[in-house]
Structures are given as C-alpha cells and as structure tokens.
Amino acid sequence: MKPRFLLDENLSPRFKLAVLRLNSQIDILRVGDLNTPTLGTLDPEILVYLQQYQRILLTDNRKSMPEHLEAHWTSNGYIWGLFWLKPRATIKELAEEVVLIWETTEAEEWKD
C-alpha cells in the first residue's frame, strides 16, 4: 500500500498543493479538510486518527507531539509514521521529499 499523508494544521495549505502539483495521485490531506480531524483537534486525537485511517503525519511540532506519541505507544497504540519537517526547508523542498517517499516506499515500512 502506498503511503497516505496527513498534514498538521500548522503547516501551510500551500504545502498540500505543492505535493499534488508534483504528483496528483498522492493521497494527502490536511487537518481541517473533509473527513479529517477539525482544526484545533488535540494531538492525542490526531494520533488516534492516524492509527485508524492509516496515515503518516507530517508536522513540525517538536514541542508537544513527542510526549503525546510516547503516551500513545504506552497505551498500546501505533501509528503509520510521523515525519518531523525541517524548519528551514522550503515548501518546494518538502514537497519533493514527500513525492520521493511516496514513489519509493510502501506505507508498512513507516509503521511506528
């Protein structure tokens, strides 16, 4: 199965558009999109969503997410992957990396 992605809400909507311009087949959503957690959803709920919907989280949240991720694993939860984005990378660079990941890997490789 190809990786499916969820962008954290603090990332620009332009990031999603940049990925889709490079490859429109990639399944990428952003928090707040239809059938995703609503804007303002807390990190623990995002992790449950990732588990249920088999999505990899793309985020730059290095502040609270590690603690919530540890708690999620402690409660026997799992996720399909999480990528912390480079803070100084351009949207174009990040989009190219997402496309590379999608084209060269399978979702199962990123689990936990």
PDB file of N, CA and C in Angstrom:
ATOM      1  N   MET A   1       0.846  -1.170   0.000  1.00  0.00           N
ATOM      2  CA  MET A   1       0.000   0.000   0.000  1.00  0.00           C
ATOM      3  C   MET A   1       0.899   1.242   0.000  1.00  0.00           C
ATOM      4  N   LYS A   2       0.551   2.220  -0.825  1.00  0.00           N
ATOM      5  CA  LYS A   2       1.319   3.453  -0.890  1.00  0.00           C
ATOM      6  C   LYS A   2       1.050   4.295   0.358  1.00  0.00           C
ATOM      7  N   PRO A   3       2.039   5.057   0.806  1.00  0.00           N
ATOM      8  CA  PRO A   3       1.818   5.929   1.964  1.00  0.00           C
ATOM      9  C   PRO A   3       0.702   6.939   1.694  1.00  0.00           C
ATOM     10  N   ARG A   4      -0.040   7.222   2.757  1.00  0.00           N
ATOM     11  CA  ARG A   4      -1.076   8.255   2.729  1.00  0.00           C
ATOM     12  C   ARG A   4      -0.712   9.249   3.816  1.00  0.00           C
ATOM     13  N   PHE A   5      -0.869  10.518   3.548  1.00  0.00           N
ATOM     14  CA  PHE A   5      -0.340  11.541   4.437  1.00  0.00           C
ATOM     15  C   PHE A   5      -1.426  12.428   5.024  1.00  0.00           C
ATOM     16  N   LEU A   6      -1.124  12.956   6.223  1.00  0.00           N
ATOM     17  CA  LEU A   6      -1.944  13.972   6.863  1.00  0.00           C
ATOM     18  C   LEU A   6      -1.019  15.102   7.289  1.00  0.00           C
ATOM     19  N   LEU A   7      -1.315  16.317   6.824  1.00  0.00           N
ATOM     20  CA  LEU A   7      -0.552  17.492   7.218  1.00  0.00           C
ATOM     21  C   LEU A   7      -1.135  18.063   8.501  1.00  0.00           C
ATOM     22  N   ASP A   8      -0.264  18.380   9.429  1.00  0.00           N
ATOM     23  CA  ASP A   8      -0.693  19.048  10.650  1.00  0.00           C
ATOM     24  C   ASP A   8      -1.270  20.414  10.280  1.00  0.00           C
ATOM     25  N   GLU A   9      -2.196  20.909  11.074  1.00  0.00           N
ATOM     26  CA  GLU A   9      -2.887  22.151  10.733  1.00  0.00           C
ATOM     27  C   GLU A   9      -1.978  23.376  10.731  1.00  0.00           C
ATOM     28  N   ASN A  10      -0.850  23.317  11.426  1.00  0.00           N
ATOM     29  CA  ASN A  10       0.033  24.479  11.461  1.00  0.00           C
ATOM     30  C   ASN A  10       0.901  24.591  10.207  1.00  0.00           C
ATOM     31  N   LEU A  11       0.807  23.620   9.311  1.00  0.00           N
ATOM     32  CA  LEU A  11       1.532  23.687   8.046  1.00  0.00           C
ATOM     33  C   LEU A  11       0.669  24.380   6.996  1.00  0.00           C
ATOM     34  N   SER A  12       1.308  25.086   6.124  1.00  0.00           N
ATOM     35  CA  SER A  12       0.600  25.863   5.110  1.00  0.00           C
ATOM     36  C   SER A  12      -0.206  24.970   4.160  1.00  0.00           C
ATOM     37  N   PRO A  13      -1.419  25.385   3.817  1.00  0.00           N
ATOM     38  CA  PRO A  13      -2.194  24.653   2.801  1.00  0.00           C
ATOM     39  C   PRO A  13      -1.456  24.604   1.454  1.00  0.00           C
ATOM     40  N   ARG A  14      -0.553  25.546   1.242  1.00  0.00           N
ATOM     41  CA  ARG A  14       0.239  25.552   0.003  1.00  0.00           C
ATOM     42  C   ARG A  14       1.135  24.314  -0.106  1.00  0.00           C
ATOM     43  N   PHE A  15       1.500  23.736   1.030  1.00  0.00           N
ATOM     44  CA  PHE A  15       2.325  22.523   1.033  1.00  0.00           C
ATOM     45  C   PHE A  15       1.576  21.388   0.343  1.00  0.00           C
ATOM     46  N   LYS A  16       0.318  21.210   0.703  1.00  0.00           N
ATOM     47  CA  LYS A  16      -0.511  20.165   0.086  1.00  0.00           C
ATOM     48  C   LYS A  16      -0.616  20.396  -1.417  1.00  0.00           C
ATOM     49  N   LEU A  17      -0.869  21.636  -1.816  1.00  0.00           N
ATOM     50  CA  LEU A  17      -0.984  21.959  -3.241  1.00  0.00           C
ATOM     51  C   LEU A  17       0.326  21.690  -3.978  1.00  0.00           C
ATOM     52  N   ALA A  18       1.446  21.990  -3.348  1.00  0.00           N
ATOM     53  CA  ALA A  18       2.750  21.755  -3.977  1.00  0.00           C
ATOM     54  C   ALA A  18       2.978  20.266  -4.217  1.00  0.00           C
ATOM     55  N   VAL A  19       2.600  19.430  -3.256  1.00  0.00           N
ATOM     56  CA  VAL A  19       2.742  17.977  -3.422  1.00  0.00           C
ATOM     57  C   VAL A  19       1.866  17.506  -4.582  1.00  0.00           C
ATOM     58  N   LEU A  20       0.622  17.940  -4.593  1.00  0.00           N
ATOM     59  CA  LEU A  20      -0.308  17.485  -5.622  1.00  0.00           C
ATOM     60  C   LEU A  20       0.074  17.980  -7.017  1.00  0.00           C
ATOM     61  N   ARG A  21       0.725  19.130  -7.099  1.00  0.00           N
ATOM     62  CA  ARG A  21       1.214  19.603  -8.403  1.00  0.00           C
ATOM     63  C   ARG A  21       2.307  18.685  -8.942  1.00  0.00           C
ATOM     64  N   LEU A  22       3.115  18.153  -8.041  1.00  0.00           N
ATOM     65  CA  LEU A  22       4.196  17.256  -8.460  1.00  0.00           C
ATOM     66  C   LEU A  22       3.678  15.861  -8.795  1.00  0.00           C
ATOM     67  N   ASN A  23       2.649  15.419  -8.046  1.00  0.00           N
ATOM     68  CA  ASN A  23       2.073  14.096  -8.307  1.00  0.00           C
ATOM     69  C   ASN A  23       0.644  14.085  -7.768  1.00  0.00           C
ATOM     70  N   SER A  24      -0.314  14.178  -8.638  1.00  0.00           N
ATOM     71  CA  SER A  24      -1.721  14.265  -8.237  1.00  0.00           C
ATOM     72  C   SER A  24      -2.291  12.951  -7.707  1.00  0.00           C
ATOM     73  N   GLN A  25      -1.541  11.867  -7.808  1.00  0.00           N
ATOM     74  CA  GLN A  25      -2.013  10.568  -7.310  1.00  0.00           C
ATOM     75  C   GLN A  25      -1.792  10.397  -5.811  1.00  0.00           C
ATOM     76  N   ILE A  26      -0.983  11.254  -5.220  1.00  0.00           N
ATOM     77  CA  ILE A  26      -0.661  11.112  -3.802  1.00  0.00           C
ATOM     78  C   ILE A  26      -1.881  11.456  -2.956  1.00  0.00           C
ATOM     79  N   ASP A  27      -2.165  10.604  -1.991  1.00  0.00           N
ATOM     80  CA  ASP A  27      -3.278  10.789  -1.068  1.00  0.00           C
ATOM     81  C   ASP A  27      -2.755  11.621   0.109  1.00  0.00           C
ATOM     82  N   ILE A  28      -3.034  12.902   0.064  1.00  0.00           N
ATOM     83  CA  ILE A  28      -2.557  13.819   1.100  1.00  0.00           C
ATOM     84  C   ILE A  28      -3.700  14.725   1.530  1.00  0.00           C
ATOM     85  N   LEU A  29      -3.939  14.777   2.821  1.00  0.00           N
ATOM     86  CA  LEU A  29      -4.973  15.615   3.413  1.00  0.00           C
ATOM     87  C   LEU A  29      -4.338  16.512   4.457  1.00  0.00           C
ATOM     88  N   ARG A  30      -5.084  17.514   4.867  1.00  0.00           N
ATOM     89  CA  ARG A  30      -4.626  18.421   5.918  1.00  0.00           C
ATOM     90  C   ARG A  30      -5.690  18.456   6.998  1.00  0.00           C
ATOM     91  N   VAL A  31      -5.262  18.514   8.251  1.00  0.00           N
ATOM     92  CA  VAL A  31      -6.222  18.666   9.338  1.00  0.00           C
ATOM     93  C   VAL A  31      -7.141  19.827   8.982  1.00  0.00           C
ATOM     94  N   GLY A  32      -8.443  19.597   9.107  1.00  0.00           N
ATOM     95  CA  GLY A  32      -9.438  20.601   8.737  1.00  0.00           C
ATOM     96  C   GLY A  32     -10.096  20.312   7.402  1.00  0.00           C
ATOM     97  N   ASP A  33      -9.484  19.427   6.582  1.00  0.00           N
ATOM     98  CA  ASP A  33     -10.120  19.010   5.330  1.00  0.00           C
ATOM     99  C   ASP A  33     -11.320  18.118   5.648  1.00  0.00           C
ATOM    100  N   LEU A  34     -12.154  17.897   4.656  1.00  0.00           N
ATOM    101  CA  LEU A  34     -13.296  16.993   4.781  1.00  0.00           C
ATOM    102  C   LEU A  34     -12.807  15.610   5.209  1.00  0.00           C
ATOM    103  N   ASN A  35     -13.480  15.003   6.157  1.00  0.00           N
ATOM    104  CA  ASN A  35     -13.174  13.657   6.659  1.00  0.00           C
ATOM    105  C   ASN A  35     -11.823  13.565   7.357  1.00  0.00           C
ATOM    106  N   THR A  36     -11.382  14.663   7.960  1.00  0.00           N
ATOM    107  CA  THR A  36     -10.182  14.661   8.799  1.00  0.00           C
ATOM    108  C   THR A  36     -10.559  15.295  10.130  1.00  0.00           C
ATOM    109  N   PRO A  37      -9.679  15.211  11.113  1.00  0.00           N
ATOM    110  CA  PRO A  37      -9.957  15.937  12.364  1.00  0.00           C
ATOM    111  C   PRO A  37     -10.132  17.430  12.081  1.00  0.00           C
ATOM    112  N   THR A  38     -10.981  18.075  12.862  1.00  0.00           N
ATOM    113  CA  THR A  38     -11.219  19.506  12.683  1.00  0.00           C
ATOM    114  C   THR A  38     -10.034  20.320  13.185  1.00  0.00           C
ATOM    115  N   LEU A  39      -9.947  21.547  12.706  1.00  0.00           N
ATOM    116  CA  LEU A  39      -8.909  22.459  13.193  1.00  0.00           C
ATOM    117  C   LEU A  39      -9.042  22.579  14.706  1.00  0.00           C
ATOM    118  N   GLY A  40      -7.921  22.565  15.398  1.00  0.00           N
ATOM    119  CA  GLY A  40      -7.927  22.664  16.847  1.00  0.00           C
ATOM    120  C   GLY A  40      -7.974  21.323  17.563  1.00  0.00           C
ATOM    121  N   THR A  41      -8.038  20.222  16.819  1.00  0.00           N
ATOM    122  CA  THR A  41      -8.041  18.893  17.429  1.00  0.00           C
ATOM    123  C   THR A  41      -6.729  18.677  18.176  1.00  0.00           C
ATOM    124  N   LEU A  42      -6.812  18.120  19.358  1.00  0.00           N
ATOM    125  CA  LEU A  42      -5.627  17.893  20.189  1.00  0.00           C
ATOM    126  C   LEU A  42      -4.765  16.752  19.636  1.00  0.00           C
ATOM    127  N   ASP A  43      -3.469  16.820  19.932  1.00  0.00           N
ATOM    128  CA  ASP A  43      -2.518  15.825  19.423  1.00  0.00           C
ATOM    129  C   ASP A  43      -2.921  14.373  19.707  1.00  0.00           C
ATOM    130  N   PRO A  44      -3.359  14.026  20.925  1.00  0.00           N
ATOM    131  CA  PRO A  44      -3.732  12.617  21.163  1.00  0.00           C
ATOM    132  C   PRO A  44      -4.829  12.125  20.215  1.00  0.00           C
ATOM    133  N   GLU A  45      -5.774  12.991  19.878  1.00  0.00           N
ATOM    134  CA  GLU A  45      -6.843  12.609  18.955  1.00  0.00           C
ATOM    135  C   GLU A  45      -6.318  12.479  17.530  1.00  0.00           C
ATOM    136  N   ILE A  46      -5.351  13.300  17.176  1.00  0.00           N
ATOM    137  CA  ILE A  46      -4.716  13.189  15.855  1.00  0.00           C
ATOM    138  C   ILE A  46      -4.033  11.828  15.736  1.00  0.00           C
ATOM    139  N   LEU A  47      -3.363  11.398  16.791  1.00  0.00           N
ATOM    140  CA  LEU A  47      -2.667  10.102  16.760  1.00  0.00           C
ATOM    141  C   LEU A  47      -3.653   8.948  16.594  1.00  0.00           C
ATOM    142  N   VAL A  48      -4.798   9.036  17.232  1.00  0.00           N
ATOM    143  CA  VAL A  48      -5.836   8.005  17.059  1.00  0.00           C
ATOM    144  C   VAL A  48      -6.332   8.008  15.615  1.00  0.00           C
ATOM    145  N   TYR A  49      -6.551   9.182  15.056  1.00  0.00           N
ATOM    146  CA  TYR A  49      -6.964   9.282  13.655  1.00  0.00           C
ATOM    147  C   TYR A  49      -5.928   8.634  12.734  1.00  0.00           C
ATOM    148  N   LEU A  50      -4.660   8.933  12.951  1.00  0.00           N
ATOM    149  CA  LEU A  50      -3.593   8.348  12.119  1.00  0.00           C
ATOM    150  C   LEU A  50      -3.646   6.828  12.160  1.00  0.00           C
ATOM    151  N   GLN A  51      -3.846   6.282  13.344  1.00  0.00           N
ATOM    152  CA  GLN A  51      -3.925   4.832  13.505  1.00  0.00           C
ATOM    153  C   GLN A  51      -5.118   4.269  12.747  1.00  0.00           C
ATOM    154  N   GLN A  52      -6.274   4.883  12.917  1.00  0.00           N
ATOM    155  CA  GLN A  52      -7.499   4.372  12.298  1.00  0.00           C
ATOM    156  C   GLN A  52      -7.501   4.491  10.781  1.00  0.00           C
ATOM    157  N   TYR A  53      -6.944   5.569  10.265  1.00  0.00           N
ATOM    158  CA  TYR A  53      -7.036   5.845   8.833  1.00  0.00           C
ATOM    159  C   TYR A  53      -5.724   5.602   8.081  1.00  0.00           C
ATOM    160  N   GLN A  54      -4.775   4.995   8.749  1.00  0.00           N
ATOM    161  CA  GLN A  54      -3.517   4.563   8.127  1.00  0.00           C
ATOM    162  C   GLN A  54      -2.828   5.699   7.380  1.00  0.00           C
ATOM    163  N   ARG A  55      -2.617   6.794   8.102  1.00  0.00           N
ATOM    164  CA  ARG A  55      -1.960   7.960   7.521  1.00  0.00           C
ATOM    165  C   ARG A  55      -0.686   8.288   8.276  1.00  0.00           C
ATOM    166  N   ILE A  56       0.270   8.830   7.545  1.00  0.00           N
ATOM    167  CA  ILE A  56       1.536   9.307   8.104  1.00  0.00           C
ATOM    168  C   ILE A  56       1.373  10.799   8.382  1.00  0.00           C
ATOM    169  N   LEU A  57       1.759  11.220   9.574  1.00  0.00           N
ATOM    170  CA  LEU A  57       1.655  12.637   9.925  1.00  0.00           C
ATOM    171  C   LEU A  57       2.904  13.388   9.477  1.00  0.00           C
ATOM    172  N   LEU A  58       2.684  14.521   8.846  1.00  0.00           N
ATOM    173  CA  LEU A  58       3.756  15.449   8.503  1.00  0.00           C
ATOM    174  C   LEU A  58       3.568  16.665   9.399  1.00  0.00           C
ATOM    175  N   THR A  59       4.560  16.962  10.226  1.00  0.00           N
ATOM    176  CA  THR A  59       4.417  18.028  11.209  1.00  0.00           C
ATOM    177  C   THR A  59       5.756  18.682  11.490  1.00  0.00           C
ATOM    178  N   ASP A  60       5.692  19.860  12.068  1.00  0.00           N
ATOM    179  CA  ASP A  60       6.904  20.484  12.586  1.00  0.00           C
ATOM    180  C   ASP A  60       6.773  20.683  14.095  1.00  0.00           C
ATOM    181  N   ASN A  61       5.795  20.015  14.703  1.00  0.00           N
ATOM    182  CA  ASN A  61       5.517  20.121  16.137  1.00  0.00           C
ATOM    183  C   ASN A  61       6.491  19.247  16.931  1.00  0.00           C
ATOM    184  N   ARG A  62       7.581  19.839  17.330  1.00  0.00           N
ATOM    185  CA  ARG A  62       8.564  19.121  18.150  1.00  0.00           C
ATOM    186  C   ARG A  62       8.361  19.407  19.637  1.00  0.00           C
ATOM    187  N   LYS A  63       7.382  20.258  19.933  1.00  0.00           N
ATOM    188  CA  LYS A  63       7.174  20.680  21.309  1.00  0.00           C
ATOM    189  C   LYS A  63       6.315  19.686  22.095  1.00  0.00           C
ATOM    190  N   SER A  64       5.100  19.452  21.651  1.00  0.00           N
ATOM    191  CA  SER A  64       4.181  18.606  22.417  1.00  0.00           C
ATOM    192  C   SER A  64       4.017  17.203  21.832  1.00  0.00           C
ATOM    193  N   MET A  65       4.235  17.048  20.536  1.00  0.00           N
ATOM    194  CA  MET A  65       3.958  15.757  19.900  1.00  0.00           C
ATOM    195  C   MET A  65       4.792  14.603  20.472  1.00  0.00           C
ATOM    196  N   PRO A  66       6.082  14.767  20.768  1.00  0.00           N
ATOM    197  CA  PRO A  66       6.838  13.618  21.298  1.00  0.00           C
ATOM    198  C   PRO A  66       6.226  13.031  22.570  1.00  0.00           C
ATOM    199  N   GLU A  67       5.783  13.885  23.475  1.00  0.00           N
ATOM    200  CA  GLU A  67       5.168  13.414  24.712  1.00  0.00           C
ATOM    201  C   GLU A  67       3.864  12.664  24.423  1.00  0.00           C
ATOM    202  N   HIS A  68       3.057  13.195  23.527  1.00  0.00           N
ATOM    203  CA  HIS A  68       1.785  12.548  23.184  1.00  0.00           C
ATOM    204  C   HIS A  68       2.023  11.234  22.436  1.00  0.00           C
ATOM    205  N   LEU A  69       3.028  11.208  21.613  1.00  0.00           N
ATOM    206  CA  LEU A  69       3.362   9.985  20.891  1.00  0.00           C
ATOM    207  C   LEU A  69       3.797   8.881  21.859  1.00  0.00           C
ATOM    208  N   GLU A  70       4.616   9.233  22.821  1.00  0.00           N
ATOM    209  CA  GLU A  70       5.055   8.259  23.839  1.00  0.00           C
ATOM    210  C   GLU A  70       3.860   7.714  24.613  1.00  0.00           C
ATOM    211  N   ALA A  71       2.936   8.583  24.994  1.00  0.00           N
ATOM    212  CA  ALA A  71       1.729   8.142  25.712  1.00  0.00           C
ATOM    213  C   ALA A  71       0.871   7.239  24.834  1.00  0.00           C
ATOM    214  N   HIS A  72       0.787   7.556  23.561  1.00  0.00           N
ATOM    215  CA  HIS A  72       0.004   6.743  22.608  1.00  0.00           C
ATOM    216  C   HIS A  72       0.590   5.335  22.523  1.00  0.00           C
ATOM    217  N   TRP A  73       1.905   5.246  22.406  1.00  0.00           N
ATOM    218  CA  TRP A  73       2.561   3.928  22.351  1.00  0.00           C
ATOM    219  C   TRP A  73       2.406   3.178  23.670  1.00  0.00           C
ATOM    220  N   THR A  74       2.499   3.891  24.787  1.00  0.00           N
ATOM    221  CA  THR A  74       2.368   3.254  26.104  1.00  0.00           C
ATOM    222  C   THR A  74       0.988   2.629  26.274  1.00  0.00           C
ATOM    223  N   SER A  75      -0.021   3.232  25.649  1.00  0.00           N
ATOM    224  CA  SER A  75      -1.383   2.690  25.748  1.00  0.00           C
ATOM    225  C   SER A  75      -1.669   1.680  24.631  1.00  0.00           C
ATOM    226  N   ASN A  76      -0.596   1.092  24.079  1.00  0.00           N
ATOM    227  CA  ASN A  76      -0.678   0.070  23.031  1.00  0.00           C
ATOM    228  C   ASN A  76      -1.192   0.604  21.697  1.00  0.00           C
ATOM    229  N   GLY A  77      -1.102   1.885  21.499  1.00  0.00           N
ATOM    230  CA  GLY A  77      -1.445   2.463  20.207  1.00  0.00           C
ATOM    231  C   GLY A  77      -0.271   2.337  19.246  1.00  0.00           C
ATOM    232  N   TYR A  78      -0.524   2.609  18.002  1.00  0.00           N
ATOM    233  CA  TYR A  78       0.536   2.636  16.987  1.00  0.00           C
ATOM    234  C   TYR A  78       0.149   3.698  15.962  1.00  0.00           C
ATOM    235  N   ILE A  79       1.088   4.056  15.140  1.00  0.00           N
ATOM    236  CA  ILE A  79       0.812   4.983  14.053  1.00  0.00           C
ATOM    237  C   ILE A  79       1.491   4.458  12.797  1.00  0.00           C
ATOM    238  N   TRP A  80       1.105   5.011  11.682  1.00  0.00           N
ATOM    239  CA  TRP A  80       1.661   4.593  10.394  1.00  0.00           C
ATOM    240  C   TRP A  80       2.879   5.408  10.003  1.00  0.00           C
ATOM    241  N   GLY A  81       3.313   6.276  10.884  1.00  0.00           N
ATOM    242  CA  GLY A  81       4.520   7.038  10.647  1.00  0.00           C
ATOM    243  C   GLY A  81       4.327   8.497  10.983  1.00  0.00           C
ATOM    244  N   LEU A  82       5.448   9.146  11.222  1.00  0.00           N
ATOM    245  CA  LEU A  82       5.443  10.558  11.546  1.00  0.00           C
ATOM    246  C   LEU A  82       6.748  11.142  11.036  1.00  0.00           C
ATOM    247  N   PHE A  83       6.653  12.200  10.286  1.00  0.00           N
ATOM    248  CA  PHE A  83       7.836  12.894   9.786  1.00  0.00           C
ATOM    249  C   PHE A  83       7.860  14.297  10.370  1.00  0.00           C
ATOM    250  N   TRP A  84       8.958  14.607  11.070  1.00  0.00           N
ATOM    251  CA  TRP A  84       9.175  15.966  11.531  1.00  0.00           C
ATOM    252  C   TRP A  84       9.873  16.704  10.406  1.00  0.00           C
ATOM    253  N   LEU A  85       9.267  17.783   9.961  1.00  0.00           N
ATOM    254  CA  LEU A  85       9.795  18.522   8.824  1.00  0.00           C
ATOM    255  C   LEU A  85      10.917  19.450   9.246  1.00  0.00           C
ATOM    256  N   LYS A  86      11.861  19.629   8.347  1.00  0.00           N
ATOM    257  CA  LYS A  86      12.983  20.530   8.592  1.00  0.00           C
ATOM    258  C   LYS A  86      12.462  21.958   8.671  1.00  0.00           C
ATOM    259  N   PRO A  87      12.770  22.669   9.746  1.00  0.00           N
ATOM    260  CA  PRO A  87      12.211  24.004   9.934  1.00  0.00           C
ATOM    261  C   PRO A  87      12.586  25.023   8.852  1.00  0.00           C
ATOM    262  N   ARG A  88      13.746  24.900   8.273  1.00  0.00           N
ATOM    263  CA  ARG A  88      14.175  25.911   7.306  1.00  0.00           C
ATOM    264  C   ARG A  88      14.019  25.475   5.851  1.00  0.00           C
ATOM    265  N   ALA A  89      13.419  24.327   5.644  1.00  0.00           N
ATOM    266  CA  ALA A  89      13.227  23.843   4.269  1.00  0.00           C
ATOM    267  C   ALA A  89      12.113  24.631   3.590  1.00  0.00           C
ATOM    268  N   THR A  90      12.236  24.772   2.291  1.00  0.00           N
ATOM    269  CA  THR A  90      11.184  25.449   1.527  1.00  0.00           C
ATOM    270  C   THR A  90      10.031  24.483   1.277  1.00  0.00           C
ATOM    271  N   ILE A  91       8.881  25.027   0.939  1.00  0.00           N
ATOM    272  CA  ILE A  91       7.732  24.188   0.599  1.00  0.00           C
ATOM    273  C   ILE A  91       8.079  23.288  -0.580  1.00  0.00           C
ATOM    274  N   LYS A  92       8.784  23.825  -1.545  1.00  0.00           N
ATOM    275  CA  LYS A  92       9.176  23.037  -2.716  1.00  0.00           C
ATOM    276  C   LYS A  92      10.055  21.851  -2.303  1.00  0.00           C
ATOM    277  N   GLU A  93      11.040  22.093  -1.446  1.00  0.00           N
ATOM    278  CA  GLU A  93      11.924  21.010  -0.989  1.00  0.00           C
ATOM    279  C   GLU A  93      11.136  19.943  -0.235  1.00  0.00           C
ATOM    280  N   LEU A  94      10.243  20.374   0.647  1.00  0.00           N
ATOM    281  CA  LEU A  94       9.448  19.427   1.418  1.00  0.00           C
ATOM    282  C   LEU A  94       8.516  18.626   0.513  1.00  0.00           C
ATOM    283  N   ALA A  95       7.898  19.288  -0.445  1.00  0.00           N
ATOM    284  CA  ALA A  95       7.004  18.592  -1.377  1.00  0.00           C
ATOM    285  C   ALA A  95       7.767  17.549  -2.179  1.00  0.00           C
ATOM    286  N   GLU A  96       8.953  17.886  -2.632  1.00  0.00           N
ATOM    287  CA  GLU A  96       9.772  16.933  -3.382  1.00  0.00           C
ATOM    288  C   GLU A  96      10.130  15.717  -2.528  1.00  0.00           C
ATOM    289  N   GLU A  97      10.394  15.931  -1.229  1.00  0.00           N
ATOM    290  CA  GLU A  97      10.701  14.812  -0.340  1.00  0.00           C
ATOM    291  C   GLU A  97       9.487  13.910  -0.140  1.00  0.00           C
ATOM    292  N   VAL A  98       8.304  14.493   0.002  1.00  0.00           N
ATOM    293  CA  VAL A  98       7.076  13.697   0.150  1.00  0.00           C
ATOM    294  C   VAL A  98       6.857  12.853  -1.101  1.00  0.00           C
ATOM    295  N   VAL A  99       7.047  13.434  -2.258  1.00  0.00           N
ATOM    296  CA  VAL A  99       6.885  12.690  -3.512  1.00  0.00           C
ATOM    297  C   VAL A  99       7.890  11.550  -3.580  1.00  0.00           C
ATOM    298  N   LEU A 100       9.116  11.798  -3.201  1.00  0.00           N
ATOM    299  CA  LEU A 100      10.144  10.750  -3.206  1.00  0.00           C
ATOM    300  C   LEU A 100       9.766   9.602  -2.265  1.00  0.00           C
ATOM    301  N   ILE A 101       9.308   9.945  -1.084  1.00  0.00           N
ATOM    302  CA  ILE A 101       8.872   8.919  -0.119  1.00  0.00           C
ATOM    303  C   ILE A 101       7.728   8.104  -0.714  1.00  0.00           C
ATOM    304  N   TRP A 102       6.752   8.783  -1.306  1.00  0.00           N
ATOM    305  CA  TRP A 102       5.599   8.091  -1.872  1.00  0.00           C
ATOM    306  C   TRP A 102       6.008   7.175  -3.026  1.00  0.00           C
ATOM    307  N   GLU A 103       6.913   7.658  -3.865  1.00  0.00           N
ATOM    308  CA  GLU A 103       7.299   6.886  -5.050  1.00  0.00           C
ATOM    309  C   GLU A 103       8.203   5.699  -4.736  1.00  0.00           C
ATOM    310  N   THR A 104       8.947   5.748  -3.639  1.00  0.00           N
ATOM    311  CA  THR A 104       9.969   4.727  -3.403  1.00  0.00           C
ATOM    312  C   THR A 104       9.705   3.802  -2.216  1.00  0.00           C
ATOM    313  N   THR A 105       8.608   4.029  -1.474  1.00  0.00           N
ATOM    314  CA  THR A 105       8.370   3.192  -0.305  1.00  0.00           C
ATOM    315  C   THR A 105       6.918   2.725  -0.246  1.00  0.00           C
ATOM    316  N   GLU A 106       6.671   1.838   0.686  1.00  0.00           N
ATOM    317  CA  GLU A 106       5.326   1.364   0.983  1.00  0.00           C
ATOM    318  C   GLU A 106       4.965   1.829   2.383  1.00  0.00           C
ATOM    319  N   ALA A 107       3.693   2.014   2.649  1.00  0.00           N
ATOM    320  CA  ALA A 107       3.221   2.534   3.930  1.00  0.00           C
ATOM    321  C   ALA A 107       3.701   1.679   5.111  1.00  0.00           C
ATOM    322  N   GLU A 108       3.704   0.381   4.940  1.00  0.00           N
ATOM    323  CA  GLU A 108       4.065  -0.522   6.022  1.00  0.00           C
ATOM    324  C   GLU A 108       5.491  -0.303   6.532  1.00  0.00           C
ATOM    325  N   GLU A 109       6.343   0.239   5.690  1.00  0.00           N
ATOM    326  CA  GLU A 109       7.737   0.485   6.081  1.00  0.00           C
ATOM    327  C   GLU A 109       7.851   1.564   7.145  1.00  0.00           C
ATOM    328  N   TRP A 110       6.868   2.414   7.276  1.00  0.00           N
ATOM    329  CA  TRP A 110       6.936   3.553   8.181  1.00  0.00           C
ATOM    330  C   TRP A 110       6.180   3.339   9.493  1.00  0.00           C
ATOM    331  N   LYS A 111       5.507   2.211   9.619  1.00  0.00           N
ATOM    332  CA  LYS A 111       4.686   1.970  10.810  1.00  0.00           C
ATOM    333  C   LYS A 111       5.539   2.016  12.066  1.00  0.00           C
ATOM    334  N   ASP A 112       5.116   2.829  13.020  1.00  0.00           N
ATOM    335  CA  ASP A 112       5.791   3.073  14.298  1.00  0.00           C
ATOM    336  C   ASP A 112       7.222   3.498  14.111  1.00  0.00           C
TER     337      ASP A 112
END
